[in-house]
């Protein structure tokens, strides 16, 4: 299984533990930083071998029928880390109070 799939599974498990039922299984990735590698099909790839000390995976809410998930990496250069900490978080209270509408938290362009 890919590191990205593993990270998304960790996010969905976290949301389930919080009692948040994700209303869709369709996911769109939003890059908070450009350090996330993109594969030949234009899909983001997380590779723990990149040596980041941490990666944040956040559920932002719904945009239409897609769950928006942000991926944030640190601005690290030239450092190697043996282990990457994957941090997950759910949508804000405002997003949940508005039926998971991501426009309550982000302006997508």
N, C-alpha and C. Protein backbone atom coordinates (compact mmCIF):
# COMPACT_ATOMS: atom_id res chain seq x y z
N UNK A 1 0.84 -1.18 0.00
CA UNK A 1 0.00 0.00 0.00
C UNK A 1 0.89 1.24 0.00
N UNK A 2 0.48 2.27 -0.69
CA UNK A 2 1.29 3.49 -0.79
C UNK A 2 1.26 4.28 0.52
N UNK A 3 2.27 5.13 0.68
CA UNK A 3 2.32 5.98 1.88
C UNK A 3 1.13 6.93 1.91
N UNK A 4 0.70 7.42 0.74
CA UNK A 4 -0.47 8.30 0.70
C UNK A 4 -1.72 7.55 1.14
N UNK A 5 -1.93 6.35 0.63
CA UNK A 5 -3.09 5.55 1.02
C UNK A 5 -3.04 5.25 2.52
N UNK A 6 -1.88 4.89 3.03
CA UNK A 6 -1.73 4.65 4.47
C UNK A 6 -2.11 5.89 5.28
N UNK A 7 -1.68 7.05 4.82
CA UNK A 7 -1.97 8.30 5.52
C UNK A 7 -3.45 8.63 5.47
N UNK A 8 -4.09 8.41 4.33
CA UNK A 8 -5.53 8.64 4.23
C UNK A 8 -6.30 7.68 5.13
N UNK A 9 -5.86 6.43 5.19
CA UNK A 9 -6.51 5.47 6.09
C UNK A 9 -6.38 5.91 7.54
N UNK A 10 -5.22 6.45 7.91
CA UNK A 10 -5.02 6.96 9.26
C UNK A 10 -5.98 8.13 9.53
N UNK A 11 -6.14 9.01 8.54
CA UNK A 11 -7.06 10.14 8.68
C UNK A 11 -8.50 9.65 8.86
N UNK A 12 -8.94 8.71 8.03
CA UNK A 12 -10.31 8.20 8.14
C UNK A 12 -10.54 7.48 9.47
N UNK A 13 -9.54 6.75 9.97
CA UNK A 13 -9.66 6.10 11.27
C UNK A 13 -9.79 7.14 12.37
N UNK A 14 -9.00 8.21 12.29
CA UNK A 14 -9.08 9.30 13.26
C UNK A 14 -10.47 9.92 13.25
N UNK A 15 -11.01 10.21 12.06
CA UNK A 15 -12.34 10.81 11.96
C UNK A 15 -13.39 9.88 12.57
N UNK A 16 -13.29 8.58 12.31
CA UNK A 16 -14.24 7.62 12.86
C UNK A 16 -14.17 7.61 14.39
N UNK A 17 -12.94 7.68 14.94
CA UNK A 17 -12.78 7.73 16.39
C UNK A 17 -13.43 8.97 16.99
N UNK A 18 -13.47 10.05 16.22
CA UNK A 18 -14.09 11.30 16.67
C UNK A 18 -15.60 11.30 16.46
N UNK A 19 -16.13 10.21 15.89
CA UNK A 19 -17.56 10.13 15.62
C UNK A 19 -18.00 10.92 14.40
N UNK A 20 -17.06 11.26 13.54
CA UNK A 20 -17.36 12.02 12.33
C UNK A 20 -17.49 11.07 11.14
N UNK A 21 -18.69 10.93 10.64
CA UNK A 21 -18.95 10.05 9.51
C UNK A 21 -18.66 10.82 8.23
N UNK A 22 -17.66 10.38 7.50
CA UNK A 22 -17.27 11.04 6.25
C UNK A 22 -18.35 10.79 5.21
N UNK A 23 -18.93 11.85 4.63
CA UNK A 23 -20.07 11.68 3.74
C UNK A 23 -19.75 11.21 2.32
N UNK A 24 -18.49 10.95 2.01
CA UNK A 24 -18.11 10.48 0.67
C UNK A 24 -16.80 9.72 0.74
N UNK A 25 -16.55 8.91 -0.27
CA UNK A 25 -15.26 8.23 -0.36
C UNK A 25 -14.39 8.83 -1.47
N UNK A 26 -14.92 9.83 -2.17
CA UNK A 26 -14.15 10.51 -3.22
C UNK A 26 -13.30 11.59 -2.57
N UNK A 27 -12.00 11.59 -2.91
CA UNK A 27 -11.06 12.50 -2.25
C UNK A 27 -10.33 13.35 -3.28
N UNK A 28 -10.15 14.62 -2.97
CA UNK A 28 -9.28 15.51 -3.73
C UNK A 28 -8.20 16.02 -2.79
N UNK A 29 -6.96 16.02 -3.27
CA UNK A 29 -5.83 16.45 -2.47
C UNK A 29 -5.50 17.90 -2.79
N UNK A 30 -5.32 18.70 -1.75
CA UNK A 30 -4.88 20.09 -1.89
C UNK A 30 -3.49 20.16 -1.28
N UNK A 31 -2.53 20.65 -2.06
CA UNK A 31 -1.17 20.77 -1.57
C UNK A 31 -0.99 22.11 -0.87
N UNK A 32 -0.60 22.07 0.38
CA UNK A 32 -0.33 23.30 1.11
C UNK A 32 1.09 23.77 0.78
N UNK A 33 1.95 22.83 0.47
CA UNK A 33 3.32 23.12 0.03
C UNK A 33 3.58 22.34 -1.26
N UNK A 34 4.52 22.79 -2.04
CA UNK A 34 4.81 22.13 -3.30
C UNK A 34 5.83 21.01 -3.17
N UNK A 35 6.19 20.63 -1.94
CA UNK A 35 7.19 19.59 -1.75
C UNK A 35 6.62 18.18 -1.91
N UNK A 36 5.32 18.06 -2.15
CA UNK A 36 4.71 16.75 -2.35
C UNK A 36 4.98 16.35 -3.80
N UNK A 37 5.58 15.18 -3.99
CA UNK A 37 5.91 14.71 -5.34
C UNK A 37 4.64 14.37 -6.10
N UNK A 38 4.62 14.66 -7.39
CA UNK A 38 3.48 14.36 -8.25
C UNK A 38 3.90 13.26 -9.21
N UNK A 39 3.09 12.20 -9.33
CA UNK A 39 3.43 11.11 -10.24
C UNK A 39 3.06 11.46 -11.68
N UNK A 40 3.32 10.52 -12.60
CA UNK A 40 3.12 10.77 -14.02
C UNK A 40 1.65 10.99 -14.40
N UNK A 41 0.72 10.61 -13.54
CA UNK A 41 -0.70 10.84 -13.79
C UNK A 41 -1.21 12.10 -13.09
N UNK A 42 -0.31 12.86 -12.51
CA UNK A 42 -0.70 14.10 -11.83
C UNK A 42 -1.23 13.88 -10.43
N UNK A 43 -1.00 12.70 -9.86
CA UNK A 43 -1.48 12.41 -8.51
C UNK A 43 -0.35 12.61 -7.51
N UNK A 44 -0.69 13.13 -6.31
CA UNK A 44 0.36 13.34 -5.31
C UNK A 44 0.86 12.00 -4.75
N UNK A 45 2.15 11.95 -4.49
CA UNK A 45 2.76 10.77 -3.86
C UNK A 45 3.48 11.22 -2.61
N UNK A 46 3.20 10.56 -1.50
CA UNK A 46 3.97 10.80 -0.29
C UNK A 46 4.98 9.67 -0.18
N UNK A 47 6.22 10.01 -0.05
CA UNK A 47 7.27 9.02 0.06
C UNK A 47 8.02 9.30 1.36
N UNK A 48 7.85 8.42 2.32
CA UNK A 48 8.49 8.64 3.62
C UNK A 48 10.01 8.71 3.48
N UNK A 49 10.54 8.20 2.37
CA UNK A 49 11.98 8.27 2.15
C UNK A 49 12.44 9.69 1.83
N UNK A 50 11.50 10.61 1.58
CA UNK A 50 11.87 11.99 1.33
C UNK A 50 12.57 12.62 2.52
N UNK A 51 12.38 12.06 3.71
CA UNK A 51 13.08 12.53 4.88
C UNK A 51 12.44 13.69 5.62
N UNK A 52 11.15 13.96 5.38
CA UNK A 52 10.47 15.00 6.15
C UNK A 52 10.36 14.58 7.60
N UNK A 53 10.47 15.54 8.51
CA UNK A 53 10.28 15.21 9.92
C UNK A 53 8.81 15.02 10.24
N UNK A 54 7.92 15.70 9.48
CA UNK A 54 6.48 15.56 9.68
C UNK A 54 5.73 15.85 8.39
N UNK A 55 4.51 15.33 8.31
CA UNK A 55 3.57 15.63 7.24
C UNK A 55 2.21 15.77 7.90
N UNK A 56 1.49 16.86 7.61
CA UNK A 56 0.14 17.07 8.13
C UNK A 56 -0.88 16.69 7.06
N UNK A 57 -1.82 15.83 7.43
CA UNK A 57 -2.92 15.42 6.56
C UNK A 57 -4.20 15.90 7.24
N UNK A 58 -4.92 16.82 6.59
CA UNK A 58 -6.10 17.41 7.22
C UNK A 58 -7.34 17.25 6.35
N UNK A 59 -8.43 16.85 6.98
CA UNK A 59 -9.72 16.80 6.31
C UNK A 59 -10.31 18.19 6.39
N UNK A 60 -10.53 18.82 5.22
CA UNK A 60 -10.98 20.22 5.20
C UNK A 60 -12.49 20.35 5.05
N UNK A 61 -13.15 19.37 4.45
CA UNK A 61 -14.59 19.43 4.22
C UNK A 61 -14.93 18.97 2.81
N UNK A 62 -16.17 19.22 2.40
CA UNK A 62 -16.65 18.79 1.09
C UNK A 62 -16.66 19.95 0.10
N UNK A 63 -16.22 19.65 -1.12
CA UNK A 63 -16.38 20.54 -2.26
C UNK A 63 -17.19 19.75 -3.28
N UNK A 64 -18.49 20.04 -3.33
CA UNK A 64 -19.36 19.22 -4.17
C UNK A 64 -19.45 17.82 -3.62
N UNK A 65 -19.05 16.84 -4.41
CA UNK A 65 -19.11 15.44 -3.96
C UNK A 65 -17.75 14.91 -3.53
N UNK A 66 -16.73 15.78 -3.44
CA UNK A 66 -15.39 15.35 -3.08
C UNK A 66 -14.97 15.86 -1.71
N UNK A 67 -14.33 14.99 -0.96
CA UNK A 67 -13.73 15.36 0.31
C UNK A 67 -12.40 16.04 0.00
N UNK A 68 -12.19 17.24 0.51
CA UNK A 68 -10.94 17.96 0.30
C UNK A 68 -10.00 17.63 1.45
N UNK A 69 -8.82 17.11 1.11
CA UNK A 69 -7.81 16.75 2.09
C UNK A 69 -6.55 17.54 1.77
N UNK A 70 -6.05 18.27 2.75
CA UNK A 70 -4.82 19.03 2.52
C UNK A 70 -3.61 18.21 2.99
N UNK A 71 -2.52 18.39 2.27
CA UNK A 71 -1.24 17.76 2.60
C UNK A 71 -0.23 18.87 2.77
N UNK A 72 0.34 18.96 3.95
CA UNK A 72 1.32 20.00 4.25
C UNK A 72 2.64 19.35 4.66
N UNK A 73 3.72 19.85 4.09
CA UNK A 73 5.05 19.37 4.45
C UNK A 73 5.88 20.54 4.93
N UNK A 74 6.90 20.28 5.74
CA UNK A 74 7.72 21.37 6.26
C UNK A 74 8.66 21.91 5.18
N UNK A 75 9.16 23.09 5.42
CA UNK A 75 10.14 23.70 4.52
C UNK A 75 11.54 23.26 4.94
N UNK A 76 11.80 22.00 4.78
CA UNK A 76 13.10 21.46 5.16
C UNK A 76 13.90 21.17 3.91
N UNK A 77 15.16 21.49 3.95
CA UNK A 77 16.03 21.16 2.83
C UNK A 77 17.33 20.58 3.36
N UNK A 78 17.80 19.57 2.68
CA UNK A 78 19.10 19.00 3.02
C UNK A 78 19.14 18.21 4.32
N UNK A 79 17.99 17.94 4.90
CA UNK A 79 17.96 17.17 6.15
C UNK A 79 17.41 15.78 5.86
N UNK A 80 17.88 14.83 6.60
CA UNK A 80 17.36 13.47 6.47
C UNK A 80 16.82 13.03 7.82
N UNK A 81 15.59 12.54 7.83
CA UNK A 81 14.97 12.07 9.06
C UNK A 81 14.65 10.59 8.90
N UNK A 82 15.01 9.83 9.90
CA UNK A 82 14.79 8.39 9.84
C UNK A 82 13.31 8.04 9.84
N UNK A 83 12.50 8.84 10.50
CA UNK A 83 11.08 8.55 10.61
C UNK A 83 10.27 9.82 10.41
N UNK A 84 9.18 9.70 9.67
CA UNK A 84 8.29 10.82 9.42
C UNK A 84 7.05 10.69 10.29
N UNK A 85 6.73 11.74 11.04
CA UNK A 85 5.52 11.76 11.84
C UNK A 85 4.36 12.21 10.96
N UNK A 86 3.32 11.37 10.84
CA UNK A 86 2.13 11.71 10.07
C UNK A 86 1.09 12.22 11.06
N UNK A 87 0.73 13.50 10.94
CA UNK A 87 -0.24 14.14 11.83
C UNK A 87 -1.55 14.30 11.08
N UNK A 88 -2.66 13.94 11.71
CA UNK A 88 -3.97 14.05 11.06
C UNK A 88 -4.88 14.97 11.86
N UNK A 89 -5.80 15.62 11.14
CA UNK A 89 -6.80 16.45 11.81
C UNK A 89 -8.07 16.47 10.98
N UNK A 90 -9.17 16.74 11.67
CA UNK A 90 -10.47 16.76 11.02
C UNK A 90 -10.91 18.15 10.65
N UNK A 91 -12.11 18.26 10.12
CA UNK A 91 -12.64 19.57 9.72
C UNK A 91 -12.94 20.44 10.94
N UNK A 92 -13.00 21.74 10.71
CA UNK A 92 -13.31 22.68 11.79
C UNK A 92 -14.78 22.55 12.20
N UNK A 93 -15.11 23.06 13.36
CA UNK A 93 -16.50 23.04 13.84
C UNK A 93 -17.41 23.78 12.85
N UNK A 94 -16.93 24.90 12.29
CA UNK A 94 -17.73 25.66 11.33
C UNK A 94 -18.08 24.84 10.10
N UNK A 95 -17.14 24.04 9.62
CA UNK A 95 -17.39 23.17 8.48
C UNK A 95 -18.42 22.11 8.85
N UNK A 96 -18.26 21.50 10.01
CA UNK A 96 -19.21 20.47 10.44
C UNK A 96 -20.61 21.05 10.65
N UNK A 97 -20.66 22.26 11.19
CA UNK A 97 -21.96 22.92 11.42
C UNK A 97 -22.66 23.30 10.12
N UNK A 98 -21.92 23.32 9.01
CA UNK A 98 -22.49 23.65 7.70
C UNK A 98 -22.45 22.44 6.76
N UNK A 99 -22.78 21.27 7.31
CA UNK A 99 -22.87 20.02 6.53
C UNK A 99 -21.60 19.72 5.74
N UNK A 100 -20.46 19.92 6.34
CA UNK A 100 -19.16 19.59 5.77
C UNK A 100 -18.75 20.52 4.62
N UNK A 101 -19.40 21.65 4.44
CA UNK A 101 -19.10 22.55 3.33
C UNK A 101 -17.72 23.20 3.52
N UNK A 102 -16.79 22.88 2.63
CA UNK A 102 -15.40 23.36 2.75
C UNK A 102 -15.30 24.88 2.59
N UNK A 103 -16.27 25.50 1.96
CA UNK A 103 -16.20 26.96 1.76
C UNK A 103 -16.23 27.70 3.09
N UNK A 104 -16.60 27.03 4.17
CA UNK A 104 -16.56 27.65 5.49
C UNK A 104 -15.12 27.76 6.01
N UNK A 105 -14.19 27.03 5.38
CA UNK A 105 -12.80 27.03 5.86
C UNK A 105 -11.80 27.47 4.79
N UNK A 106 -12.09 27.18 3.53
CA UNK A 106 -11.12 27.45 2.45
C UNK A 106 -11.80 28.14 1.28
N UNK A 107 -11.02 28.95 0.59
CA UNK A 107 -11.47 29.51 -0.68
C UNK A 107 -10.72 28.76 -1.77
N UNK A 108 -11.38 27.82 -2.43
CA UNK A 108 -10.75 27.02 -3.48
C UNK A 108 -10.83 27.75 -4.80
N UNK A 109 -9.71 27.76 -5.52
CA UNK A 109 -9.70 28.41 -6.84
C UNK A 109 -9.35 27.43 -7.91
